Amino acid sequence: MPNIEHLLFKIFCSPMATRDQRAGDKDLLAGNIFAQKKMQLPLDVYRSLLQTLAVRPKKKHFKKVVEYLTTHEPVSRLTPQLLDQIIAIGISHSYPVTLGQIVRNMVSQLDCNIHRSSYMKFVMFLESCKGFEDDAKKFLFLVQHSSHL
């Protein structure tokens, strides 16, 4: 991983506000310099952030990147490849609850264009996680709410 990508990752994930200033704030992006300026970043930046997360996983940073994508980018810019990368990271680092919330939001509320194969990998992942078998079945029915799946 080149140093510039790691530097970008650190800048993106490190808040500009202190912990005391962010206390009680439910916003994951509180203090994020890019969120404050409501910047639309190039897709390569998101790919780089997700690649860094694949190498240096941390759930709160994963949540921040996805939250930024879903709140500051129009759905048309959320490419299937980017969504595949998000699902692959969630599966490889075993984030069933977090990934379930993200995918549910992307399918039912945002109607994102997720590849069918990635969605099925996600459902199979949930099926393999102890205690999430029923949730996997619910996600199969959630397909009806998407115009892309």
N, C-alpha and C. Protein backbone atom coordinates (compact mmCIF):
# COMPACT_ATOMS: atom_id res chain seq x y z
N MET A 1 0.85 -1.17 0.00
CA MET A 1 0.00 0.00 0.00
C MET A 1 0.91 1.24 0.00
N PRO A 2 0.80 2.03 -1.03
CA PRO A 2 1.62 3.24 -1.08
C PRO A 2 1.30 4.20 0.07
N ASN A 3 2.30 4.97 0.45
CA ASN A 3 2.15 5.89 1.58
C ASN A 3 1.08 6.95 1.35
N ILE A 4 0.92 7.40 0.10
CA ILE A 4 -0.06 8.45 -0.17
C ILE A 4 -1.48 7.95 0.08
N GLU A 5 -1.74 6.68 -0.23
CA GLU A 5 -3.07 6.11 0.02
C GLU A 5 -3.33 6.01 1.52
N HIS A 6 -2.31 5.63 2.26
CA HIS A 6 -2.46 5.54 3.72
C HIS A 6 -2.66 6.93 4.32
N LEU A 7 -1.96 7.91 3.79
CA LEU A 7 -2.11 9.28 4.26
C LEU A 7 -3.53 9.79 4.00
N LEU A 8 -4.05 9.52 2.81
CA LEU A 8 -5.42 9.91 2.47
C LEU A 8 -6.41 9.23 3.42
N PHE A 9 -6.18 7.97 3.71
CA PHE A 9 -7.03 7.21 4.62
C PHE A 9 -7.02 7.84 6.01
N LYS A 10 -5.85 8.20 6.49
CA LYS A 10 -5.72 8.84 7.81
C LYS A 10 -6.45 10.19 7.83
N ILE A 11 -6.30 10.96 6.77
CA ILE A 11 -6.97 12.27 6.72
C ILE A 11 -8.48 12.07 6.71
N PHE A 12 -8.96 11.09 5.94
CA PHE A 12 -10.40 10.87 5.83
C PHE A 12 -10.99 10.38 7.15
N CYS A 13 -10.31 9.48 7.83
CA CYS A 13 -10.87 8.85 9.04
C CYS A 13 -10.61 9.63 10.32
N SER A 14 -9.64 10.53 10.32
CA SER A 14 -9.34 11.29 11.52
C SER A 14 -10.22 12.53 11.59
N PRO A 15 -10.97 12.68 12.68
CA PRO A 15 -11.84 13.86 12.79
C PRO A 15 -11.04 15.12 13.11
N MET A 16 -11.58 16.25 12.70
CA MET A 16 -10.95 17.54 12.99
C MET A 16 -11.39 18.07 14.35
N ALA A 17 -12.39 17.45 14.94
CA ALA A 17 -12.90 17.87 16.25
C ALA A 17 -12.38 16.92 17.33
N THR A 18 -12.28 17.40 18.53
CA THR A 18 -11.82 16.56 19.62
C THR A 18 -12.93 15.61 20.06
N ARG A 19 -12.56 14.62 20.83
CA ARG A 19 -13.52 13.64 21.32
C ARG A 19 -14.59 14.32 22.18
N ASP A 20 -14.18 15.29 22.98
CA ASP A 20 -15.14 16.02 23.82
C ASP A 20 -16.15 16.79 22.97
N GLN A 21 -15.70 17.38 21.87
CA GLN A 21 -16.59 18.13 20.98
C GLN A 21 -17.58 17.20 20.28
N ARG A 22 -17.15 15.96 20.02
CA ARG A 22 -18.01 15.00 19.34
C ARG A 22 -18.87 14.19 20.29
N ALA A 23 -18.66 14.33 21.58
CA ALA A 23 -19.41 13.55 22.58
C ALA A 23 -20.91 13.81 22.44
N GLY A 24 -21.66 12.75 22.43
CA GLY A 24 -23.11 12.87 22.33
C GLY A 24 -23.62 13.06 20.91
N ASP A 25 -22.73 13.25 19.96
CA ASP A 25 -23.14 13.43 18.56
C ASP A 25 -23.26 12.06 17.91
N LYS A 26 -24.42 11.75 17.39
CA LYS A 26 -24.67 10.44 16.77
C LYS A 26 -24.13 10.36 15.34
N ASP A 27 -23.72 11.48 14.78
CA ASP A 27 -23.22 11.52 13.41
C ASP A 27 -21.83 10.90 13.34
N LEU A 28 -21.69 9.83 12.54
CA LEU A 28 -20.39 9.19 12.37
C LEU A 28 -19.37 10.12 11.73
N LEU A 29 -19.85 11.04 10.93
CA LEU A 29 -18.96 11.92 10.18
C LEU A 29 -18.71 13.25 10.86
N ALA A 30 -19.08 13.35 12.13
CA ALA A 30 -18.84 14.59 12.88
C ALA A 30 -17.34 14.86 12.93
N GLY A 31 -16.96 16.02 12.49
CA GLY A 31 -15.55 16.40 12.49
C GLY A 31 -14.80 16.00 11.23
N ASN A 32 -15.43 15.28 10.32
CA ASN A 32 -14.78 14.88 9.07
C ASN A 32 -14.66 16.09 8.17
N ILE A 33 -13.44 16.38 7.75
CA ILE A 33 -13.19 17.60 6.96
C ILE A 33 -13.90 17.55 5.61
N PHE A 34 -14.01 16.36 5.01
CA PHE A 34 -14.67 16.24 3.71
C PHE A 34 -16.19 16.39 3.86
N ALA A 35 -16.74 15.86 4.94
CA ALA A 35 -18.19 15.95 5.18
C ALA A 35 -18.59 17.39 5.48
N GLN A 36 -17.74 18.11 6.21
CA GLN A 36 -18.05 19.51 6.52
C GLN A 36 -18.15 20.35 5.26
N LYS A 37 -17.30 20.03 4.28
CA LYS A 37 -17.29 20.79 3.04
C LYS A 37 -18.22 20.18 1.98
N LYS A 38 -18.88 19.05 2.34
CA LYS A 38 -19.81 18.35 1.44
C LYS A 38 -19.17 18.09 0.08
N MET A 39 -17.97 17.55 0.11
CA MET A 39 -17.20 17.31 -1.11
C MET A 39 -17.62 16.00 -1.78
N GLN A 40 -17.69 16.03 -3.09
CA GLN A 40 -17.86 14.81 -3.87
C GLN A 40 -16.47 14.39 -4.31
N LEU A 41 -16.03 13.26 -3.85
CA LEU A 41 -14.68 12.79 -4.14
C LEU A 41 -14.70 11.91 -5.39
N PRO A 42 -13.58 11.84 -6.11
CA PRO A 42 -13.50 10.93 -7.26
C PRO A 42 -13.68 9.48 -6.82
N LEU A 43 -14.19 8.65 -7.71
CA LEU A 43 -14.42 7.24 -7.38
C LEU A 43 -13.13 6.51 -7.02
N ASP A 44 -12.01 6.94 -7.59
CA ASP A 44 -10.73 6.31 -7.26
C ASP A 44 -10.36 6.52 -5.79
N VAL A 45 -10.79 7.63 -5.23
CA VAL A 45 -10.53 7.89 -3.81
C VAL A 45 -11.28 6.88 -2.95
N TYR A 46 -12.53 6.62 -3.31
CA TYR A 46 -13.31 5.63 -2.54
C TYR A 46 -12.71 4.24 -2.69
N ARG A 47 -12.28 3.91 -3.91
CA ARG A 47 -11.63 2.60 -4.11
C ARG A 47 -10.38 2.49 -3.25
N SER A 48 -9.61 3.56 -3.21
CA SER A 48 -8.39 3.57 -2.41
C SER A 48 -8.70 3.41 -0.91
N LEU A 49 -9.72 4.14 -0.44
CA LEU A 49 -10.11 4.02 0.97
C LEU A 49 -10.56 2.60 1.29
N LEU A 50 -11.33 2.00 0.40
CA LEU A 50 -11.80 0.64 0.64
C LEU A 50 -10.66 -0.38 0.55
N GLN A 51 -9.71 -0.15 -0.34
CA GLN A 51 -8.55 -1.04 -0.42
C GLN A 51 -7.72 -0.96 0.86
N THR A 52 -7.58 0.23 1.39
CA THR A 52 -6.85 0.40 2.65
C THR A 52 -7.59 -0.31 3.77
N LEU A 53 -8.92 -0.23 3.76
CA LEU A 53 -9.71 -0.93 4.77
C LEU A 53 -9.57 -2.43 4.66
N ALA A 54 -9.39 -2.93 3.45
CA ALA A 54 -9.21 -4.37 3.27
C ALA A 54 -7.91 -4.84 3.92
N VAL A 55 -6.89 -3.97 3.88
CA VAL A 55 -5.58 -4.32 4.45
C VAL A 55 -5.52 -4.00 5.94
N ARG A 56 -6.09 -2.88 6.34
CA ARG A 56 -6.09 -2.44 7.74
C ARG A 56 -7.53 -2.29 8.22
N PRO A 57 -8.17 -3.42 8.52
CA PRO A 57 -9.60 -3.34 8.86
C PRO A 57 -9.88 -2.72 10.23
N LYS A 58 -10.86 -1.89 10.26
CA LYS A 58 -11.38 -1.33 11.50
C LYS A 58 -12.84 -0.99 11.22
N LYS A 59 -13.73 -1.57 12.00
CA LYS A 59 -15.15 -1.46 11.72
C LYS A 59 -15.64 -0.02 11.70
N LYS A 60 -15.17 0.80 12.63
CA LYS A 60 -15.67 2.19 12.67
C LYS A 60 -15.23 2.96 11.43
N HIS A 61 -14.06 2.67 10.89
CA HIS A 61 -13.62 3.33 9.66
C HIS A 61 -14.42 2.83 8.46
N PHE A 62 -14.73 1.55 8.47
CA PHE A 62 -15.58 0.97 7.42
C PHE A 62 -16.94 1.67 7.41
N LYS A 63 -17.50 1.84 8.59
CA LYS A 63 -18.80 2.52 8.71
C LYS A 63 -18.71 3.97 8.22
N LYS A 64 -17.61 4.66 8.54
CA LYS A 64 -17.45 6.05 8.11
C LYS A 64 -17.40 6.18 6.59
N VAL A 65 -16.64 5.31 5.95
CA VAL A 65 -16.50 5.38 4.50
C VAL A 65 -17.86 5.11 3.84
N VAL A 66 -18.55 4.09 4.31
CA VAL A 66 -19.85 3.75 3.72
C VAL A 66 -20.88 4.84 4.01
N GLU A 67 -20.86 5.38 5.21
CA GLU A 67 -21.78 6.48 5.56
C GLU A 67 -21.54 7.68 4.66
N TYR A 68 -20.28 7.99 4.41
CA TYR A 68 -19.96 9.11 3.53
C TYR A 68 -20.49 8.85 2.12
N LEU A 69 -20.26 7.64 1.63
CA LEU A 69 -20.73 7.29 0.30
C LEU A 69 -22.24 7.41 0.17
N THR A 70 -22.97 6.92 1.16
CA THR A 70 -24.43 6.89 1.06
C THR A 70 -25.06 8.26 1.33
N THR A 71 -24.37 9.14 2.03
CA THR A 71 -24.97 10.44 2.33
C THR A 71 -24.48 11.56 1.42
N HIS A 72 -23.27 11.46 0.90
CA HIS A 72 -22.71 12.57 0.12
C HIS A 72 -22.58 12.29 -1.37
N GLU A 73 -22.94 11.10 -1.78
CA GLU A 73 -22.85 10.77 -3.20
C GLU A 73 -24.23 10.40 -3.73
N PRO A 74 -24.56 10.84 -4.94
CA PRO A 74 -25.82 10.40 -5.53
C PRO A 74 -25.74 8.91 -5.87
N VAL A 75 -26.88 8.26 -5.88
CA VAL A 75 -26.93 6.81 -6.12
C VAL A 75 -26.33 6.46 -7.48
N SER A 76 -26.46 7.34 -8.44
CA SER A 76 -25.92 7.07 -9.77
C SER A 76 -24.40 6.93 -9.77
N ARG A 77 -23.73 7.51 -8.79
CA ARG A 77 -22.26 7.40 -8.71
C ARG A 77 -21.80 6.17 -7.95
N LEU A 78 -22.72 5.49 -7.28
CA LEU A 78 -22.36 4.28 -6.55
C LEU A 78 -22.35 3.12 -7.54
N THR A 79 -21.19 2.85 -8.10
CA THR A 79 -21.08 1.83 -9.15
C THR A 79 -21.20 0.42 -8.55
N PRO A 80 -21.63 -0.53 -9.35
CA PRO A 80 -21.70 -1.92 -8.85
C PRO A 80 -20.34 -2.43 -8.36
N GLN A 81 -19.26 -2.00 -9.00
CA GLN A 81 -17.93 -2.44 -8.57
C GLN A 81 -17.59 -1.92 -7.17
N LEU A 82 -17.96 -0.69 -6.90
CA LEU A 82 -17.74 -0.10 -5.58
C LEU A 82 -18.56 -0.84 -4.53
N LEU A 83 -19.80 -1.16 -4.86
CA LEU A 83 -20.66 -1.89 -3.93
C LEU A 83 -20.15 -3.31 -3.73
N ASP A 84 -19.61 -3.92 -4.79
CA ASP A 84 -19.01 -5.25 -4.66
C ASP A 84 -17.84 -5.21 -3.68
N GLN A 85 -17.05 -4.15 -3.77
CA GLN A 85 -15.90 -3.99 -2.89
C GLN A 85 -16.35 -3.84 -1.44
N ILE A 86 -17.42 -3.09 -1.20
CA ILE A 86 -17.95 -2.92 0.15
C ILE A 86 -18.42 -4.25 0.71
N ILE A 87 -19.16 -5.00 -0.09
CA ILE A 87 -19.66 -6.30 0.35
C ILE A 87 -18.52 -7.27 0.60
N ALA A 88 -17.51 -7.28 -0.27
CA ALA A 88 -16.37 -8.18 -0.10
C ALA A 88 -15.61 -7.88 1.20
N ILE A 89 -15.44 -6.61 1.53
CA ILE A 89 -14.74 -6.25 2.77
C ILE A 89 -15.57 -6.67 3.98
N GLY A 90 -16.87 -6.42 3.94
CA GLY A 90 -17.73 -6.82 5.05
C GLY A 90 -17.73 -8.32 5.28
N ILE A 91 -17.67 -9.08 4.19
CA ILE A 91 -17.64 -10.54 4.30
C ILE A 91 -16.28 -11.01 4.80
N SER A 92 -15.21 -10.49 4.22
CA SER A 92 -13.87 -10.97 4.59
C SER A 92 -13.50 -10.65 6.04
N HIS A 93 -14.07 -9.58 6.59
CA HIS A 93 -13.76 -9.22 7.97
C HIS A 93 -14.89 -9.57 8.94
N SER A 94 -15.88 -10.30 8.44
CA SER A 94 -16.98 -10.82 9.26
C SER A 94 -17.72 -9.73 10.03
N TYR A 95 -18.37 -8.85 9.28
CA TYR A 95 -19.21 -7.81 9.87
C TYR A 95 -20.68 -8.09 9.51
N PRO A 96 -21.30 -9.16 10.02
CA PRO A 96 -22.66 -9.48 9.57
C PRO A 96 -23.70 -8.42 9.92
N VAL A 97 -23.65 -7.86 11.11
CA VAL A 97 -24.65 -6.86 11.50
C VAL A 97 -24.47 -5.57 10.70
N THR A 98 -23.26 -5.08 10.68
CA THR A 98 -22.95 -3.84 9.96
C THR A 98 -23.25 -3.98 8.47
N LEU A 99 -22.79 -5.07 7.89
CA LEU A 99 -23.01 -5.29 6.46
C LEU A 99 -24.49 -5.48 6.16
N GLY A 100 -25.22 -6.14 7.05
CA GLY A 100 -26.66 -6.30 6.88
C GLY A 100 -27.37 -4.97 6.85
N GLN A 101 -27.00 -4.07 7.75
CA GLN A 101 -27.62 -2.74 7.79
C GLN A 101 -27.30 -1.96 6.52
N ILE A 102 -26.06 -2.06 6.07
CA ILE A 102 -25.62 -1.34 4.87
C ILE A 102 -26.37 -1.84 3.64
N VAL A 103 -26.41 -3.16 3.47
CA VAL A 103 -27.04 -3.74 2.29
C VAL A 103 -28.55 -3.47 2.32
N ARG A 104 -29.17 -3.60 3.48
CA ARG A 104 -30.61 -3.31 3.58
C ARG A 104 -30.90 -1.87 3.15
N ASN A 105 -30.08 -0.94 3.61
CA ASN A 105 -30.24 0.47 3.24
C ASN A 105 -30.04 0.66 1.73
N MET A 106 -29.03 0.00 1.18
CA MET A 106 -28.74 0.17 -0.24
C MET A 106 -29.81 -0.44 -1.13
N VAL A 107 -30.44 -1.52 -0.68
CA VAL A 107 -31.45 -2.17 -1.50
C VAL A 107 -32.82 -1.52 -1.32
N SER A 108 -33.24 -1.35 -0.08
CA SER A 108 -34.62 -0.90 0.15
C SER A 108 -34.80 0.62 0.07
N GLN A 109 -33.82 1.39 0.54
CA GLN A 109 -33.99 2.84 0.55
C GLN A 109 -33.35 3.53 -0.65
N LEU A 110 -32.12 3.14 -0.97
CA LEU A 110 -31.41 3.83 -2.04
C LEU A 110 -31.61 3.19 -3.41
N ASP A 111 -32.02 1.93 -3.44
CA ASP A 111 -32.19 1.15 -4.67
C ASP A 111 -30.93 1.20 -5.53
N CYS A 112 -29.81 0.82 -4.91
CA CYS A 112 -28.52 0.80 -5.59
C CYS A 112 -28.43 -0.39 -6.54
N ASN A 113 -27.59 -0.25 -7.53
CA ASN A 113 -27.38 -1.30 -8.53
C ASN A 113 -26.28 -2.25 -8.03
N ILE A 114 -26.67 -3.24 -7.26
CA ILE A 114 -25.74 -4.24 -6.73
C ILE A 114 -25.74 -5.42 -7.68
N HIS A 115 -24.54 -5.94 -7.98
CA HIS A 115 -24.46 -7.15 -8.79
C HIS A 115 -25.19 -8.28 -8.08
N ARG A 116 -25.91 -9.05 -8.86
CA ARG A 116 -26.66 -10.18 -8.29
C ARG A 116 -25.71 -11.18 -7.62
N SER A 117 -24.54 -11.40 -8.20
CA SER A 117 -23.58 -12.36 -7.63
C SER A 117 -23.08 -11.87 -6.26
N SER A 118 -22.83 -10.57 -6.13
CA SER A 118 -22.39 -10.03 -4.84
C SER A 118 -23.49 -10.15 -3.80
N TYR A 119 -24.71 -9.88 -4.22
CA TYR A 119 -25.84 -9.98 -3.30
C TYR A 119 -26.00 -11.42 -2.81
N MET A 120 -25.82 -12.37 -3.72
CA MET A 120 -25.95 -13.78 -3.33
C MET A 120 -24.79 -14.19 -2.41
N LYS A 121 -23.60 -13.67 -2.65
CA LYS A 121 -22.47 -13.94 -1.74
C LYS A 121 -22.78 -13.40 -0.35
N PHE A 122 -23.39 -12.22 -0.31
CA PHE A 122 -23.78 -11.63 0.97
C PHE A 122 -24.80 -12.51 1.68
N VAL A 123 -25.81 -12.97 0.95
CA VAL A 123 -26.85 -13.82 1.55
C VAL A 123 -26.24 -15.14 2.04
N MET A 124 -25.34 -15.71 1.26
CA MET A 124 -24.68 -16.97 1.67
C MET A 124 -23.80 -16.73 2.90
N PHE A 125 -23.17 -15.56 2.96
CA PHE A 125 -22.38 -15.20 4.14
C PHE A 125 -23.26 -15.15 5.38
N LEU A 126 -24.41 -14.50 5.27
CA LEU A 126 -25.34 -14.44 6.41
C LEU A 126 -25.81 -15.83 6.80
N GLU A 127 -26.06 -16.66 5.81
CA GLU A 127 -26.50 -18.03 6.06
C GLU A 127 -25.45 -18.81 6.84
N SER A 128 -24.18 -18.51 6.58
CA SER A 128 -23.09 -19.23 7.26
C SER A 128 -22.78 -18.68 8.65
N CYS A 129 -23.25 -17.48 8.96
CA CYS A 129 -23.02 -16.89 10.28
C CYS A 129 -24.05 -17.42 11.27
N LYS A 130 -23.58 -17.91 12.39
CA LYS A 130 -24.47 -18.46 13.39
C LYS A 130 -25.42 -17.38 13.91
N GLY A 131 -26.71 -17.69 13.90
CA GLY A 131 -27.71 -16.76 14.39
C GLY A 131 -28.29 -15.83 13.34
N PHE A 132 -27.77 -15.88 12.10
CA PHE A 132 -28.23 -14.98 11.05
C PHE A 132 -28.96 -15.72 9.93
N GLU A 133 -29.30 -16.98 10.15
CA GLU A 133 -29.94 -17.78 9.11
C GLU A 133 -31.29 -17.19 8.70
N ASP A 134 -32.08 -16.76 9.68
CA ASP A 134 -33.39 -16.17 9.39
C ASP A 134 -33.24 -14.83 8.66
N ASP A 135 -32.21 -14.09 9.02
CA ASP A 135 -31.97 -12.81 8.34
C ASP A 135 -31.63 -13.03 6.87
N ALA A 136 -30.90 -14.11 6.59
CA ALA A 136 -30.56 -14.42 5.19
C ALA A 136 -31.84 -14.64 4.39
N LYS A 137 -32.81 -15.32 4.97
CA LYS A 137 -34.08 -15.56 4.27
C LYS A 137 -34.82 -14.24 4.04
N LYS A 138 -34.77 -13.34 5.02
CA LYS A 138 -35.43 -12.04 4.87
C LYS A 138 -34.80 -11.24 3.73
N PHE A 139 -33.48 -11.37 3.57
CA PHE A 139 -32.80 -10.64 2.50
C PHE A 139 -33.17 -11.19 1.14
N LEU A 140 -33.52 -12.47 1.07
CA LEU A 140 -33.98 -13.03 -0.19
C LEU A 140 -35.30 -12.40 -0.60
N PHE A 141 -36.17 -12.11 0.38
CA PHE A 141 -37.44 -11.45 0.08
C PHE A 141 -37.27 -9.96 -0.19
N LEU A 142 -36.19 -9.38 0.30
CA LEU A 142 -35.92 -7.96 0.10
C LEU A 142 -35.63 -7.64 -1.37
N VAL A 143 -35.27 -8.66 -2.13
CA VAL A 143 -34.97 -8.49 -3.55
C VAL A 143 -36.16 -7.88 -4.29
N GLN A 144 -37.36 -8.13 -3.82
CA GLN A 144 -38.56 -7.61 -4.46
C GLN A 144 -38.63 -6.10 -4.44
N HIS A 145 -37.91 -5.46 -3.51
CA HIS A 145 -37.93 -4.00 -3.38
C HIS A 145 -36.92 -3.31 -4.29
N SER A 146 -36.11 -4.09 -4.98
CA SER A 146 -35.07 -3.52 -5.82
C SER A 146 -35.43 -3.65 -7.30
N SER A 147 -35.14 -2.62 -8.04
CA SER A 147 -35.38 -2.70 -9.48
C SER A 147 -34.16 -3.27 -10.21
N HIS A 148 -33.07 -3.50 -9.49
CA HIS A 148 -31.83 -3.96 -10.11
C HIS A 148 -31.55 -5.44 -9.88
N LEU A 149 -32.12 -6.03 -8.86
CA LEU A 149 -31.81 -7.43 -8.54
C LEU A 149 -32.83 -8.38 -9.13
